[in-house]
Amino acid sequence: MAKAKRGNGEGSVYFEPDRQKWCVSVKLPDGKRQRFRFETKQAANKKLREALQAKDHGLPVPTDRLTVGQYLSDWLEQTIKPGRRKGTYLRYEAAVRLHISPVLGKIPVARLGPQDVQRLQTALLAKGLGTKAIDLVRATLSGAMSQAVKFGLAVRNPVPLVDPPHAEEREPEPLTPEQATVFLAP
């Protein structure tokens, strides 16, 4: 029995002997072809199904080339800078530059998972950051990933799946006799 051939626009999966990889090729709406390479035929077929589903829904074909660092840089300039107050942009930009990109910057956006967010939080706690600073970093990353999900660059936002660190309860320090005298003075 002969194997059925895919029709036009249905993509293709083939083996590249020189690279020893399976290749997926999908024609994009603009006429260009996007290719992905995999170790196994099963992984290639899975990517082809995902790509065709995204294409059918008018979404961009997910790629592993766009890293968190690249995406956050574009997100800050294209979304936050024109649409938010300058102070918000500066806080988000500092969170990305100082905390998120050094830890998560090289990970593909499509592969960012809860374990990566947990690793980021652990690194921030090790730096000595407080819970309010970590909440700002989480809010920045969560906002960016929510937009990535809307744009079809990621399947889900992993930030809400990880519990934020709890604030340490500090023992209240009583006033010294001198401070109490100053406080109660008329």
Protein backbone atom coordinates (compact mmCIF):
# COMPACT_ATOMS: atom_id res chain seq x y z
CA MET A 1 0.00 0.00 0.00
CA ALA A 2 1.46 3.36 -1.05
CA LYS A 3 1.86 6.15 1.48
CA ALA A 4 -0.51 9.08 0.94
CA LYS A 5 1.17 12.27 -0.24
CA ARG A 6 0.38 15.56 1.47
CA GLY A 7 -1.34 18.23 -0.58
CA ASN A 8 -0.17 21.76 -1.23
CA GLY A 9 0.12 23.86 1.91
CA GLU A 10 0.10 20.83 4.23
CA GLY A 11 3.83 20.94 4.98
CA SER A 12 6.33 18.14 4.70
CA VAL A 13 8.52 15.92 6.86
CA TYR A 14 11.67 14.43 5.38
CA PHE A 15 15.05 13.04 6.47
CA GLU A 16 18.26 14.98 5.75
CA PRO A 17 21.00 12.34 5.51
CA ASP A 18 23.87 14.85 5.54
CA ARG A 19 22.71 16.28 8.91
CA GLN A 20 21.19 13.04 10.22
CA LYS A 21 18.04 14.98 11.20
CA TRP A 22 14.36 14.96 10.37
CA CYS A 23 13.23 18.23 8.82
CA VAL A 24 9.78 19.84 8.94
CA SER A 25 9.02 22.40 6.26
CA VAL A 26 5.92 24.62 6.41
CA LYS A 27 4.91 27.27 3.89
CA LEU A 28 3.96 30.53 5.64
CA PRO A 29 1.20 32.90 4.44
CA ASP A 30 3.81 35.30 3.04
CA GLY A 31 5.14 32.54 0.76
CA LYS A 32 8.34 31.87 2.69
CA ARG A 33 9.18 28.45 4.11
CA GLN A 34 10.00 27.81 7.75
CA ARG A 35 12.06 24.76 8.63
CA PHE A 36 12.63 22.91 11.89
CA ARG A 37 15.02 20.01 12.51
CA PHE A 38 14.59 17.14 14.97
CA GLU A 39 16.33 13.97 16.09
CA THR A 40 13.23 11.77 15.68
CA LYS A 41 10.46 11.47 13.13
CA GLN A 42 7.85 11.52 15.93
CA ALA A 43 9.09 14.93 17.15
CA ALA A 44 9.05 16.23 13.56
CA ASN A 45 5.47 15.03 12.99
CA LYS A 46 4.37 16.62 16.27
CA LYS A 47 5.91 19.97 15.24
CA LEU A 48 4.22 19.74 11.85
CA ARG A 49 0.82 19.27 13.51
CA GLU A 50 1.46 22.25 15.85
CA ALA A 51 2.63 24.44 12.97
CA LEU A 52 -0.36 23.61 10.77
CA GLN A 53 -2.78 24.20 13.66
CA ALA A 54 -1.20 27.60 14.38
CA LYS A 55 -1.29 28.47 10.69
CA ASP A 56 -4.98 27.45 10.43
CA HIS A 57 -5.84 29.76 13.35
CA GLY A 58 -3.94 32.69 11.85
CA LEU A 59 -1.22 32.54 14.51
CA PRO A 60 2.50 32.67 13.88
CA VAL A 61 4.22 29.29 13.70
CA PRO A 62 5.91 28.74 17.09
CA THR A 63 9.68 28.75 16.85
CA ASP A 64 12.40 27.81 19.30
CA ARG A 65 14.71 30.52 18.00
CA LEU A 66 13.10 33.46 19.83
CA THR A 67 14.69 33.63 23.28
CA VAL A 68 13.22 35.16 26.42
CA GLY A 69 15.89 37.87 26.33
CA GLN A 70 15.10 38.86 22.74
CA TYR A 71 11.36 38.75 23.33
CA LEU A 72 11.51 40.84 26.52
CA SER A 73 13.63 43.46 24.80
CA ASP A 74 11.06 43.79 21.99
CA TRP A 75 8.17 43.67 24.47
CA LEU A 76 9.62 46.57 26.46
CA GLU A 77 10.18 48.73 23.37
CA GLN A 78 7.01 47.85 21.43
CA THR A 79 4.44 47.44 24.20
CA ILE A 80 5.55 49.00 27.48
CA LYS A 81 7.44 52.11 26.36
CA PRO A 82 4.68 53.56 24.16
CA GLY A 83 1.75 52.46 26.32
CA ARG A 84 2.81 53.01 29.93
CA ARG A 85 4.21 55.74 32.12
CA LYS A 86 7.94 56.35 32.02
CA GLY A 87 8.39 55.15 35.62
CA THR A 88 6.69 51.85 34.82
CA TYR A 89 8.90 51.37 31.79
CA LEU A 90 12.04 52.10 33.83
CA ARG A 91 11.08 49.62 36.59
CA TYR A 92 10.23 46.89 34.07
CA GLU A 93 13.39 47.56 32.06
CA ALA A 94 15.55 47.31 35.20
CA ALA A 95 13.81 44.06 36.22
CA VAL A 96 14.49 42.59 32.77
CA ARG A 97 18.09 43.81 32.51
CA LEU A 98 19.22 43.07 36.07
CA HIS A 99 17.25 39.99 37.03
CA ILE A 100 15.30 38.16 34.30
CA SER A 101 17.65 38.20 31.30
CA PRO A 102 20.76 37.04 33.18
CA VAL A 103 18.92 33.93 34.42
CA LEU A 104 16.34 33.16 31.69
CA GLY A 105 17.54 35.18 28.69
CA LYS A 106 18.81 32.26 26.58
CA ILE A 107 15.79 30.00 27.02
CA PRO A 108 13.37 29.86 24.05
CA VAL A 109 10.07 31.62 24.84
CA ALA A 110 8.10 28.59 23.67
CA ARG A 111 9.94 26.37 26.19
CA LEU A 112 9.82 28.59 29.29
CA GLY A 113 8.32 26.49 32.06
CA PRO A 114 7.43 26.70 35.76
CA GLN A 115 10.76 25.15 36.74
CA ASP A 116 12.54 28.09 35.05
CA VAL A 117 10.42 30.60 36.98
CA GLN A 118 11.22 28.71 40.20
CA ARG A 119 14.94 28.83 39.33
CA LEU A 120 14.65 32.60 38.78
CA GLN A 121 12.98 33.11 42.15
CA THR A 122 15.61 31.01 43.89
CA ALA A 123 18.37 33.09 42.25
CA LEU A 124 16.67 36.32 43.33
CA LEU A 125 16.33 35.12 46.92
CA ALA A 126 20.01 34.10 46.89
CA LYS A 127 20.87 37.67 45.78
CA GLY A 128 19.07 38.94 48.85
CA LEU A 129 16.10 40.54 47.08
CA GLY A 130 13.00 41.09 49.18
CA THR A 131 9.55 39.81 48.36
CA LYS A 132 8.37 43.17 46.97
CA ALA A 133 11.26 43.27 44.48
CA ILE A 134 10.60 39.66 43.51
CA ASP A 135 6.90 40.50 43.05
CA LEU A 136 7.91 43.23 40.57
CA VAL A 137 10.11 40.79 38.64
CA ARG A 138 7.25 38.24 38.61
CA ALA A 139 4.76 40.88 37.42
CA THR A 140 7.11 41.94 34.64
CA LEU A 141 7.69 38.39 33.42
CA SER A 142 4.02 37.45 33.78
CA GLY A 143 2.86 40.46 31.77
CA ALA A 144 5.32 39.69 29.00
CA MET A 145 4.41 35.99 28.92
CA SER A 146 0.67 36.76 28.87
CA GLN A 147 1.23 38.76 25.70
CA ALA A 148 3.42 35.97 24.28
CA VAL A 149 0.50 33.57 24.77
CA LYS A 150 -1.88 36.00 23.04
CA PHE A 151 0.54 36.30 20.11
CA GLY A 152 0.93 32.52 19.85
CA LEU A 153 4.61 32.55 20.81
CA ALA A 154 4.03 30.38 23.89
CA VAL A 155 1.42 27.84 24.89
CA ARG A 156 1.01 29.07 28.47
CA ASN A 157 2.21 31.61 31.00
CA PRO A 158 4.28 29.68 33.57
CA VAL A 159 4.52 32.49 36.16
CA PRO A 160 1.11 31.93 37.85
CA LEU A 161 1.94 28.22 38.18
CA VAL A 162 4.75 29.02 40.65
CA ASP A 163 3.92 30.27 44.15
CA PRO A 164 5.63 33.54 45.06
CA PRO A 165 8.02 33.50 48.00
CA HIS A 166 6.48 34.35 51.34
CA ALA A 167 7.56 37.43 53.24
CA GLU A 168 9.57 36.66 56.32
CA GLU A 169 7.81 37.72 59.47
CA ARG A 170 10.13 39.94 61.43
CA GLU A 171 10.00 40.24 65.16
CA PRO A 172 8.88 43.78 66.04
CA GLU A 173 11.59 45.80 67.74
CA PRO A 174 10.39 47.70 70.81
CA LEU A 175 11.39 51.31 71.27
CA THR A 176 14.34 52.03 73.49
CA PRO A 177 13.62 54.16 76.60
CA GLU A 178 15.19 57.17 74.84
CA GLN A 179 13.05 56.66 71.72
CA ALA A 180 9.92 56.25 73.84
CA THR A 181 10.67 59.50 75.67
CA VAL A 182 11.12 61.37 72.38
CA PHE A 183 7.97 59.78 70.96
CA LEU A 184 5.81 60.66 73.98
CA ALA A 185 7.21 64.18 74.39
CA PRO A 186 4.67 66.93 73.67
